[in-house]
mmCIF file of all heavy atoms, coordinates in Angstrom:
data_MODEL
# 
_entry.id   MODEL 
# 
loop_
_atom_site.group_PDB 
_atom_site.id 
_atom_site.type_symbol 
_atom_site.label_atom_id 
_atom_site.label_alt_id 
_atom_site.label_comp_id 
_atom_site.label_asym_id 
_atom_site.label_entity_id 
_atom_site.label_seq_id 
_atom_site.pdbx_PDB_ins_code 
_atom_site.Cartn_x 
_atom_site.Cartn_y 
_atom_site.Cartn_z 
_atom_site.occupancy 
_atom_site.B_iso_or_equiv 
_atom_site.pdbx_formal_charge 
_atom_site.auth_seq_id 
_atom_site.auth_comp_id 
_atom_site.auth_asym_id 
_atom_site.auth_atom_id 
_atom_site.pdbx_PDB_model_num 
ATOM 1   N N   . VAL A 1 1  ? -112.544 12.038 33.795 1.00 0.00 ? 1  VAL A N   1 
ATOM 2   C CA  . VAL A 1 1  ? -111.783 11.954 35.040 1.00 0.00 ? 1  VAL A CA  1 
ATOM 3   C C   . VAL A 1 1  ? -111.791 13.302 35.749 1.00 0.00 ? 1  VAL A C   1 
ATOM 4   O O   . VAL A 1 1  ? -111.997 13.378 36.965 1.00 0.00 ? 1  VAL A O   1 
ATOM 5   C CB  . VAL A 1 1  ? -110.340 11.484 34.766 1.00 0.00 ? 1  VAL A CB  1 
ATOM 6   C CG1 . VAL A 1 1  ? -109.482 11.577 36.017 1.00 0.00 ? 1  VAL A CG1 1 
ATOM 7   C CG2 . VAL A 1 1  ? -110.335 10.072 34.216 1.00 0.00 ? 1  VAL A CG2 1 
ATOM 8   N N   . ARG A 1 2  ? -111.582 14.370 34.989 1.00 0.00 ? 2  ARG A N   1 
ATOM 9   C CA  . ARG A 1 2  ? -111.559 15.703 35.596 1.00 0.00 ? 2  ARG A CA  1 
ATOM 10  C C   . ARG A 1 2  ? -112.891 16.025 36.269 1.00 0.00 ? 2  ARG A C   1 
ATOM 11  O O   . ARG A 1 2  ? -112.928 16.483 37.408 1.00 0.00 ? 2  ARG A O   1 
ATOM 12  C CB  . ARG A 1 2  ? -111.231 16.752 34.543 1.00 0.00 ? 2  ARG A CB  1 
ATOM 13  C CG  . ARG A 1 2  ? -111.192 18.142 35.121 1.00 0.00 ? 2  ARG A CG  1 
ATOM 14  C CD  . ARG A 1 2  ? -110.792 19.149 34.081 1.00 0.00 ? 2  ARG A CD  1 
ATOM 15  N NE  . ARG A 1 2  ? -110.795 20.479 34.664 1.00 0.00 ? 2  ARG A NE  1 
ATOM 16  C CZ  . ARG A 1 2  ? -110.048 21.470 34.271 1.00 0.00 ? 2  ARG A CZ  1 
ATOM 17  N NH1 . ARG A 1 2  ? -109.236 21.317 33.250 1.00 0.00 ? 2  ARG A NH1 1 
ATOM 18  N NH2 . ARG A 1 2  ? -110.115 22.640 34.863 1.00 0.00 ? 2  ARG A NH2 1 
ATOM 19  N N   . LYS A 1 3  ? -113.997 15.783 35.582 1.00 0.00 ? 3  LYS A N   1 
ATOM 20  C CA  . LYS A 1 3  ? -115.316 16.070 36.151 1.00 0.00 ? 3  LYS A CA  1 
ATOM 21  C C   . LYS A 1 3  ? -115.562 15.235 37.402 1.00 0.00 ? 3  LYS A C   1 
ATOM 22  O O   . LYS A 1 3  ? -116.129 15.721 38.375 1.00 0.00 ? 3  LYS A O   1 
ATOM 23  C CB  . LYS A 1 3  ? -116.414 15.837 35.113 1.00 0.00 ? 3  LYS A CB  1 
ATOM 24  C CG  . LYS A 1 3  ? -116.450 16.908 34.059 1.00 0.00 ? 3  LYS A CG  1 
ATOM 25  C CD  . LYS A 1 3  ? -117.563 16.675 33.066 1.00 0.00 ? 3  LYS A CD  1 
ATOM 26  C CE  . LYS A 1 3  ? -117.550 17.770 32.016 1.00 0.00 ? 3  LYS A CE  1 
ATOM 27  N NZ  . LYS A 1 3  ? -118.641 17.644 31.073 1.00 0.00 ? 3  LYS A NZ  1 
ATOM 28  N N   . SER A 1 4  ? -115.116 13.998 37.374 1.00 0.00 ? 4  SER A N   1 
ATOM 29  C CA  . SER A 1 4  ? -115.291 13.132 38.536 1.00 0.00 ? 4  SER A CA  1 
ATOM 30  C C   . SER A 1 4  ? -114.510 13.664 39.735 1.00 0.00 ? 4  SER A C   1 
ATOM 31  O O   . SER A 1 4  ? -115.030 13.708 40.855 1.00 0.00 ? 4  SER A O   1 
ATOM 32  C CB  . SER A 1 4  ? -114.821 11.720 38.189 1.00 0.00 ? 4  SER A CB  1 
ATOM 33  O OG  . SER A 1 4  ? -114.880 10.883 39.311 1.00 0.00 ? 4  SER A OG  1 
ATOM 34  N N   . LEU A 1 5  ? -113.271 14.082 39.499 1.00 0.00 ? 5  LEU A N   1 
ATOM 35  C CA  . LEU A 1 5  ? -112.449 14.613 40.589 1.00 0.00 ? 5  LEU A CA  1 
ATOM 36  C C   . LEU A 1 5  ? -112.972 15.955 41.086 1.00 0.00 ? 5  LEU A C   1 
ATOM 37  O O   . LEU A 1 5  ? -112.960 16.226 42.292 1.00 0.00 ? 5  LEU A O   1 
ATOM 38  C CB  . LEU A 1 5  ? -111.001 14.716 40.151 1.00 0.00 ? 5  LEU A CB  1 
ATOM 39  C CG  . LEU A 1 5  ? -110.301 13.380 39.906 1.00 0.00 ? 5  LEU A CG  1 
ATOM 40  C CD1 . LEU A 1 5  ? -108.935 13.595 39.281 1.00 0.00 ? 5  LEU A CD1 1 
ATOM 41  C CD2 . LEU A 1 5  ? -110.201 12.577 41.186 1.00 0.00 ? 5  LEU A CD2 1 
ATOM 42  N N   . GLU A 1 6  ? -113.452 16.797 40.183 1.00 0.00 ? 6  GLU A N   1 
ATOM 43  C CA  . GLU A 1 6  ? -114.032 18.079 40.596 1.00 0.00 ? 6  GLU A CA  1 
ATOM 44  C C   . GLU A 1 6  ? -115.271 17.854 41.457 1.00 0.00 ? 6  GLU A C   1 
ATOM 45  O O   . GLU A 1 6  ? -115.494 18.577 42.427 1.00 0.00 ? 6  GLU A O   1 
ATOM 46  C CB  . GLU A 1 6  ? -114.380 18.925 39.372 1.00 0.00 ? 6  GLU A CB  1 
ATOM 47  C CG  . GLU A 1 6  ? -113.169 19.527 38.696 1.00 0.00 ? 6  GLU A CG  1 
ATOM 48  C CD  . GLU A 1 6  ? -113.485 20.270 37.421 1.00 0.00 ? 6  GLU A CD  1 
ATOM 49  O OE1 . GLU A 1 6  ? -114.455 19.916 36.729 1.00 0.00 ? 6  GLU A OE1 1 
ATOM 50  O OE2 . GLU A 1 6  ? -112.755 21.209 37.102 1.00 0.00 ? 6  GLU A OE2 1 
ATOM 51  N N   . ALA A 1 7  ? -116.049 16.834 41.134 1.00 0.00 ? 7  ALA A N   1 
ATOM 52  C CA  . ALA A 1 7  ? -117.239 16.518 41.919 1.00 0.00 ? 7  ALA A CA  1 
ATOM 53  C C   . ALA A 1 7  ? -116.860 16.091 43.338 1.00 0.00 ? 7  ALA A C   1 
ATOM 54  O O   . ALA A 1 7  ? -117.644 16.263 44.265 1.00 0.00 ? 7  ALA A O   1 
ATOM 55  C CB  . ALA A 1 7  ? -118.048 15.417 41.233 1.00 0.00 ? 7  ALA A CB  1 
ATOM 56  N N   . LYS A 1 8  ? -115.640 15.573 43.490 1.00 0.00 ? 8  LYS A N   1 
ATOM 57  C CA  . LYS A 1 8  ? -115.151 15.154 44.810 1.00 0.00 ? 8  LYS A CA  1 
ATOM 58  C C   . LYS A 1 8  ? -114.410 16.282 45.528 1.00 0.00 ? 8  LYS A C   1 
ATOM 59  O O   . LYS A 1 8  ? -113.867 16.081 46.600 1.00 0.00 ? 8  LYS A O   1 
ATOM 60  C CB  . LYS A 1 8  ? -114.235 13.946 44.659 1.00 0.00 ? 8  LYS A CB  1 
ATOM 61  C CG  . LYS A 1 8  ? -114.966 12.715 44.171 1.00 0.00 ? 8  LYS A CG  1 
ATOM 62  C CD  . LYS A 1 8  ? -114.025 11.559 44.005 1.00 0.00 ? 8  LYS A CD  1 
ATOM 63  C CE  . LYS A 1 8  ? -114.792 10.337 43.511 1.00 0.00 ? 8  LYS A CE  1 
ATOM 64  N NZ  . LYS A 1 8  ? -113.933 9.167  43.370 1.00 0.00 ? 8  LYS A NZ  1 
ATOM 65  N N   . GLY A 1 9  ? -114.368 17.465 44.902 1.00 0.00 ? 9  GLY A N   1 
ATOM 66  C CA  . GLY A 1 9  ? -113.769 18.616 45.568 1.00 0.00 ? 9  GLY A CA  1 
ATOM 67  C C   . GLY A 1 9  ? -112.400 19.045 45.065 1.00 0.00 ? 9  GLY A C   1 
ATOM 68  O O   . GLY A 1 9  ? -111.843 20.020 45.559 1.00 0.00 ? 9  GLY A O   1 
ATOM 69  N N   . MET A 1 10 ? -111.829 18.343 44.105 1.00 0.00 ? 10 MET A N   1 
ATOM 70  C CA  . MET A 1 10 ? -110.525 18.750 43.595 1.00 0.00 ? 10 MET A CA  1 
ATOM 71  C C   . MET A 1 10 ? -110.692 19.988 42.717 1.00 0.00 ? 10 MET A C   1 
ATOM 72  O O   . MET A 1 10 ? -111.623 20.081 41.931 1.00 0.00 ? 10 MET A O   1 
ATOM 73  C CB  . MET A 1 10 ? -109.871 17.632 42.790 1.00 0.00 ? 10 MET A CB  1 
ATOM 74  C CG  . MET A 1 10 ? -108.493 18.004 42.248 1.00 0.00 ? 10 MET A CG  1 
ATOM 75  S SD  . MET A 1 10 ? -107.662 16.635 41.450 1.00 0.00 ? 10 MET A SD  1 
ATOM 76  C CE  . MET A 1 10 ? -106.892 15.889 42.878 1.00 0.00 ? 10 MET A CE  1 
ATOM 77  N N   . ARG A 1 11 ? -109.779 20.935 42.890 1.00 0.00 ? 11 ARG A N   1 
ATOM 78  C CA  . ARG A 1 11 ? -109.821 22.161 42.103 1.00 0.00 ? 11 ARG A CA  1 
ATOM 79  C C   . ARG A 1 11 ? -108.656 22.151 41.125 1.00 0.00 ? 11 ARG A C   1 
ATOM 80  O O   . ARG A 1 11 ? -107.500 22.033 41.516 1.00 0.00 ? 11 ARG A O   1 
ATOM 81  C CB  . ARG A 1 11 ? -109.715 23.383 43.016 1.00 0.00 ? 11 ARG A CB  1 
ATOM 82  C CG  . ARG A 1 11 ? -109.800 24.705 42.291 1.00 0.00 ? 11 ARG A CG  1 
ATOM 83  C CD  . ARG A 1 11 ? -109.835 25.859 43.259 1.00 0.00 ? 11 ARG A CD  1 
ATOM 84  N NE  . ARG A 1 11 ? -108.617 25.986 44.031 1.00 0.00 ? 11 ARG A NE  1 
ATOM 85  C CZ  . ARG A 1 11 ? -107.734 26.967 43.881 1.00 0.00 ? 11 ARG A CZ  1 
ATOM 86  N NH1 . ARG A 1 11 ? -107.958 27.929 43.028 1.00 0.00 ? 11 ARG A NH1 1 
ATOM 87  N NH2 . ARG A 1 11 ? -106.653 27.002 44.626 1.00 0.00 ? 11 ARG A NH2 1 
ATOM 88  N N   . PHE A 1 12 ? -108.954 22.263 39.843 1.00 0.00 ? 12 PHE A N   1 
ATOM 89  C CA  . PHE A 1 12 ? -107.921 22.309 38.824 1.00 0.00 ? 12 PHE A CA  1 
ATOM 90  C C   . PHE A 1 12 ? -107.576 23.769 38.558 1.00 0.00 ? 12 PHE A C   1 
ATOM 91  O O   . PHE A 1 12 ? -108.456 24.587 38.321 1.00 0.00 ? 12 PHE A O   1 
ATOM 92  C CB  . PHE A 1 12 ? -108.395 21.622 37.545 1.00 0.00 ? 12 PHE A CB  1 
ATOM 93  C CG  . PHE A 1 12 ? -108.442 20.127 37.688 1.00 0.00 ? 12 PHE A CG  1 
ATOM 94  C CD1 . PHE A 1 12 ? -109.533 19.508 38.263 1.00 0.00 ? 12 PHE A CD1 1 
ATOM 95  C CD2 . PHE A 1 12 ? -107.374 19.355 37.262 1.00 0.00 ? 12 PHE A CD2 1 
ATOM 96  C CE1 . PHE A 1 12 ? -109.574 18.134 38.415 1.00 0.00 ? 12 PHE A CE1 1 
ATOM 97  C CE2 . PHE A 1 12 ? -107.401 17.980 37.419 1.00 0.00 ? 12 PHE A CE2 1 
ATOM 98  C CZ  . PHE A 1 12 ? -108.501 17.362 37.989 1.00 0.00 ? 12 PHE A CZ  1 
ATOM 99  N N   . VAL A 1 13 ? -106.300 24.098 38.606 1.00 0.00 ? 13 VAL A N   1 
ATOM 100 C CA  . VAL A 1 13 ? -105.883 25.491 38.463 1.00 0.00 ? 13 VAL A CA  1 
ATOM 101 C C   . VAL A 1 13 ? -105.097 25.745 37.183 1.00 0.00 ? 13 VAL A C   1 
ATOM 102 O O   . VAL A 1 13 ? -104.850 26.897 36.836 1.00 0.00 ? 13 VAL A O   1 
ATOM 103 C CB  . VAL A 1 13 ? -105.050 25.953 39.672 1.00 0.00 ? 13 VAL A CB  1 
ATOM 104 C CG1 . VAL A 1 13 ? -105.893 25.913 40.938 1.00 0.00 ? 13 VAL A CG1 1 
ATOM 105 C CG2 . VAL A 1 13 ? -103.783 25.128 39.823 1.00 0.00 ? 13 VAL A CG2 1 
ATOM 106 N N   . SER A 1 14 ? -104.704 24.694 36.486 1.00 0.00 ? 14 SER A N   1 
ATOM 107 C CA  . SER A 1 14 ? -103.916 24.891 35.280 1.00 0.00 ? 14 SER A CA  1 
ATOM 108 C C   . SER A 1 14 ? -103.951 23.626 34.443 1.00 0.00 ? 14 SER A C   1 
ATOM 109 O O   . SER A 1 14 ? -104.317 22.553 34.919 1.00 0.00 ? 14 SER A O   1 
ATOM 110 C CB  . SER A 1 14 ? -102.468 25.225 35.639 1.00 0.00 ? 14 SER A CB  1 
ATOM 111 O OG  . SER A 1 14 ? -101.735 25.554 34.485 1.00 0.00 ? 14 SER A OG  1 
ATOM 112 N N   . SER A 1 15 ? -103.584 23.778 33.194 1.00 0.00 ? 15 SER A N   1 
ATOM 113 C CA  . SER A 1 15 ? -103.425 22.625 32.318 1.00 0.00 ? 15 SER A CA  1 
ATOM 114 C C   . SER A 1 15 ? -102.392 22.967 31.266 1.00 0.00 ? 15 SER A C   1 
ATOM 115 O O   . SER A 1 15 ? -102.109 24.134 31.009 1.00 0.00 ? 15 SER A O   1 
ATOM 116 C CB  . SER A 1 15 ? -104.756 22.244 31.665 1.00 0.00 ? 15 SER A CB  1 
ATOM 117 O OG  . SER A 1 15 ? -105.184 23.275 30.799 1.00 0.00 ? 15 SER A OG  1 
ATOM 118 N N   . ALA A 1 16 ? -101.825 21.948 30.672 1.00 0.00 ? 16 ALA A N   1 
ATOM 119 C CA  . ALA A 1 16 ? -100.812 22.157 29.643 1.00 0.00 ? 16 ALA A CA  1 
ATOM 120 C C   . ALA A 1 16 ? -100.918 21.063 28.599 1.00 0.00 ? 16 ALA A C   1 
ATOM 121 O O   . ALA A 1 16 ? -101.343 19.947 28.892 1.00 0.00 ? 16 ALA A O   1 
ATOM 122 C CB  . ALA A 1 16 ? -99.416  22.159 30.252 1.00 0.00 ? 16 ALA A CB  1 
ATOM 123 N N   . THR A 1 17 ? -100.522 21.407 27.404 1.00 0.00 ? 17 THR A N   1 
ATOM 124 C CA  . THR A 1 17 ? -100.489 20.452 26.309 1.00 0.00 ? 17 THR A CA  1 
ATOM 125 C C   . THR A 1 17 ? -99.141  20.565 25.624 1.00 0.00 ? 17 THR A C   1 
ATOM 126 O O   . THR A 1 17 ? -98.689  21.669 25.340 1.00 0.00 ? 17 THR A O   1 
ATOM 127 C CB  . THR A 1 17 ? -101.597 20.751 25.285 1.00 0.00 ? 17 THR A CB  1 
ATOM 128 O OG1 . THR A 1 17 ? -102.856 20.709 25.935 1.00 0.00 ? 17 THR A OG1 1 
ATOM 129 C CG2 . THR A 1 17 ? -101.602 19.752 24.154 1.00 0.00 ? 17 THR A CG2 1 
ATOM 130 N N   . THR A 1 18 ? -98.509  19.438 25.404 1.00 0.00 ? 18 THR A N   1 
ATOM 131 C CA  . THR A 1 18 ? -97.278  19.433 24.623 1.00 0.00 ? 18 THR A CA  1 
ATOM 132 C C   . THR A 1 18 ? -97.479  18.526 23.426 1.00 0.00 ? 18 THR A C   1 
ATOM 133 O O   . THR A 1 18 ? -98.199  17.531 23.504 1.00 0.00 ? 18 THR A O   1 
ATOM 134 C CB  . THR A 1 18 ? -96.068  18.923 25.444 1.00 0.00 ? 18 THR A CB  1 
ATOM 135 O OG1 . THR A 1 18 ? -96.360  17.616 25.925 1.00 0.00 ? 18 THR A OG1 1 
ATOM 136 C CG2 . THR A 1 18 ? -95.739  19.836 26.600 1.00 0.00 ? 18 THR A CG2 1 
ATOM 137 N N   . LEU A 1 19 ? -96.869  18.900 22.331 1.00 0.00 ? 19 LEU A N   1 
ATOM 138 C CA  . LEU A 1 19 ? -96.910  18.062 21.137 1.00 0.00 ? 19 LEU A CA  1 
ATOM 139 C C   . LEU A 1 19 ? -95.755  17.078 21.195 1.00 0.00 ? 19 LEU A C   1 
ATOM 140 O O   . LEU A 1 19 ? -94.650  17.434 21.619 1.00 0.00 ? 19 LEU A O   1 
ATOM 141 C CB  . LEU A 1 19 ? -96.798  18.915 19.878 1.00 0.00 ? 19 LEU A CB  1 
ATOM 142 C CG  . LEU A 1 19 ? -97.884  19.969 19.693 1.00 0.00 ? 19 LEU A CG  1 
ATOM 143 C CD1 . LEU A 1 19 ? -97.610  20.789 18.444 1.00 0.00 ? 19 LEU A CD1 1 
ATOM 144 C CD2 . LEU A 1 19 ? -99.247  19.301 19.587 1.00 0.00 ? 19 LEU A CD2 1 
ATOM 145 N N   . GLU A 1 20 ? -96.010  15.867 20.789 1.00 0.00 ? 20 GLU A N   1 
ATOM 146 C CA  . GLU A 1 20 ? -94.966  14.848 20.847 1.00 0.00 ? 20 GLU A CA  1 
ATOM 147 C C   . GLU A 1 20 ? -93.723  15.289 20.079 1.00 0.00 ? 20 GLU A C   1 
ATOM 148 O O   . GLU A 1 20 ? -92.596  15.066 20.529 1.00 0.00 ? 20 GLU A O   1 
ATOM 149 C CB  . GLU A 1 20 ? -95.495  13.530 20.282 1.00 0.00 ? 20 GLU A CB  1 
ATOM 150 C CG  . GLU A 1 20 ? -94.523  12.388 20.427 1.00 0.00 ? 20 GLU A CG  1 
ATOM 151 C CD  . GLU A 1 20 ? -95.087  11.056 19.975 1.00 0.00 ? 20 GLU A CD  1 
ATOM 152 O OE1 . GLU A 1 20 ? -96.291  10.956 19.723 1.00 0.00 ? 20 GLU A OE1 1 
ATOM 153 O OE2 . GLU A 1 20 ? -94.290  10.113 19.881 1.00 0.00 ? 20 GLU A OE2 1 
ATOM 154 N N   . SER A 1 21 ? -93.918  15.952 18.956 1.00 0.00 ? 21 SER A N   1 
ATOM 155 C CA  . SER A 1 21 ? -92.765  16.400 18.171 1.00 0.00 ? 21 SER A CA  1 
ATOM 156 C C   . SER A 1 21 ? -91.935  17.422 18.936 1.00 0.00 ? 21 SER A C   1 
ATOM 157 O O   . SER A 1 21 ? -90.702  17.420 18.840 1.00 0.00 ? 21 SER A O   1 
ATOM 158 C CB  . SER A 1 21 ? -93.222  16.992 16.832 1.00 0.00 ? 21 SER A CB  1 
ATOM 159 O OG  . SER A 1 21 ? -94.071  18.108 17.045 1.00 0.00 ? 21 SER A OG  1 
ATOM 160 N N   . ASP A 1 22 ? -92.600  18.299 19.705 1.00 0.00 ? 22 ASP A N   1 
ATOM 161 C CA  . ASP A 1 22 ? -91.867  19.271 20.520 1.00 0.00 ? 22 ASP A CA  1 
ATOM 162 C C   . ASP A 1 22 ? -91.083  18.584 21.635 1.00 0.00 ? 22 ASP A C   1 
ATOM 163 O O   . ASP A 1 22 ? -89.951  18.950 21.928 1.00 0.00 ? 22 ASP A O   1 
ATOM 164 C CB  . ASP A 1 22 ? -92.810  20.308 21.123 1.00 0.00 ? 22 ASP A CB  1 
ATOM 165 C CG  . ASP A 1 22 ? -93.353  21.271 20.093 1.00 0.00 ? 22 ASP A CG  1 
ATOM 166 O OD1 . ASP A 1 22 ? -92.688  21.455 19.049 1.00 0.00 ? 22 ASP A OD1 1 
ATOM 167 O OD2 . ASP A 1 22 ? -94.426  21.843 20.328 1.00 0.00 ? 22 ASP A OD2 1 
ATOM 168 N N   . VAL A 1 23 ? -91.695  17.602 22.266 1.00 0.00 ? 23 VAL A N   1 
ATOM 169 C CA  . VAL A 1 23 ? -91.011  16.858 23.325 1.00 0.00 ? 23 VAL A CA  1 
ATOM 170 C C   . VAL A 1 23 ? -89.815  16.122 22.739 1.00 0.00 ? 23 VAL A C   1 
ATOM 171 O O   . VAL A 1 23 ? -88.709  16.165 23.284 1.00 0.00 ? 23 VAL A O   1 
ATOM 172 C CB  . VAL A 1 23 ? -91.971  15.874 24.034 1.00 0.00 ? 23 VAL A CB  1 
ATOM 173 C CG1 . VAL A 1 23 ? -91.212  14.990 25.015 1.00 0.00 ? 23 VAL A CG1 1 
ATOM 174 C CG2 . VAL A 1 23 ? -93.083  16.632 24.741 1.00 0.00 ? 23 VAL A CG2 1 
ATOM 175 N N   . ASP A 1 24 ? -90.021  15.464 21.607 1.00 0.00 ? 24 ASP A N   1 
ATOM 176 C CA  . ASP A 1 24 ? -88.929  14.728 20.967 1.00 0.00 ? 24 ASP A CA  1 
ATOM 177 C C   . ASP A 1 24 ? -87.773  15.656 20.605 1.00 0.00 ? 24 ASP A C   1 
ATOM 178 O O   . ASP A 1 24 ? -86.605  15.270 20.684 1.00 0.00 ? 24 ASP A O   1 
ATOM 179 C CB  . ASP A 1 24 ? -89.413  14.006 19.704 1.00 0.00 ? 24 ASP A CB  1 
ATOM 180 C CG  . ASP A 1 24 ? -90.321  12.831 20.020 1.00 0.00 ? 24 ASP A CG  1 
ATOM 181 O OD1 . ASP A 1 24 ? -90.347  12.385 21.182 1.00 0.00 ? 24 ASP A OD1 1 
ATOM 182 O OD2 . ASP A 1 24 ? -91.010  12.361 19.090 1.00 0.00 ? 24 ASP A OD2 1 
ATOM 183 N N   . ALA A 1 25 ? -88.083  16.893 20.216 1.00 0.00 ? 25 ALA A N   1 
ATOM 184 C CA  . ALA A 1 25 ? -87.055  17.855 19.820 1.00 0.00 ? 25 ALA A CA  1 
ATOM 185 C C   . ALA A 1 25 ? -86.525  18.649 21.013 1.00 0.00 ? 25 ALA A C   1 
ATOM 186 O O   . ALA A 1 25 ? -85.635  19.483 20.853 1.00 0.00 ? 25 ALA A O   1 
ATOM 187 C CB  . ALA A 1 25 ? -87.624  18.810 18.772 1.00 0.00 ? 25 ALA A CB  1 
ATOM 188 N N   . GLY A 1 26 ? -87.076  18.420 22.220 1.00 0.00 ? 26 GLY A N   1 
ATOM 189 C CA  . GLY A 1 26 ? -86.618  19.135 23.402 1.00 0.00 ? 26 GLY A CA  1 
ATOM 190 C C   . GLY A 1 26 ? -87.116  20.571 23.474 1.00 0.00 ? 26 GLY A C   1 
ATOM 191 O O   . GLY A 1 26 ? -86.517  21.408 24.133 1.00 0.00 ? 26 GLY A O   1 
ATOM 192 N N   . ARG A 1 27 ? -88.250  20.861 22.818 1.00 0.00 ? 27 ARG A N   1 
ATOM 193 C CA  . ARG A 1 27 ? -88.781  22.229 22.800 1.00 0.00 ? 27 ARG A CA  1 
ATOM 194 C C   . ARG A 1 27 ? -90.031  22.357 23.673 1.00 0.00 ? 27 ARG A C   1 
ATOM 195 O O   . ARG A 1 27 ? -91.018  22.940 23.258 1.00 0.00 ? 27 ARG A O   1 
ATOM 196 C CB  . ARG A 1 27 ? -89.141  22.632 21.367 1.00 0.00 ? 27 ARG A CB  1 
ATOM 197 C CG  . ARG A 1 27 ? -87.983  22.724 20.422 1.00 0.00 ? 27 ARG A CG  1 
ATOM 198 C CD  . ARG A 1 27 ? -88.437  23.247 19.069 1.00 0.00 ? 27 ARG A CD  1 
ATOM 199 N NE  . ARG A 1 27 ? -89.523  22.458 18.515 1.00 0.00 ? 27 ARG A NE  1 
ATOM 200 C CZ  . ARG A 1 27 ? -89.397  21.585 17.511 1.00 0.00 ? 27 ARG A CZ  1 
ATOM 201 N NH1 . ARG A 1 27 ? -88.241  21.404 16.946 1.00 0.00 ? 27 ARG A NH1 1 
ATOM 202 N NH2 . ARG A 1 27 ? -90.438  20.917 17.076 1.00 0.00 ? 27 ARG A NH2 1 
# 
């Protein structure tokens, strides 16, 4: 999806990853 959107001109400037356990614990 990212490559497809970049090919259409979208510029990605950041990304983030959260672990489900961290989300569940509010961290």
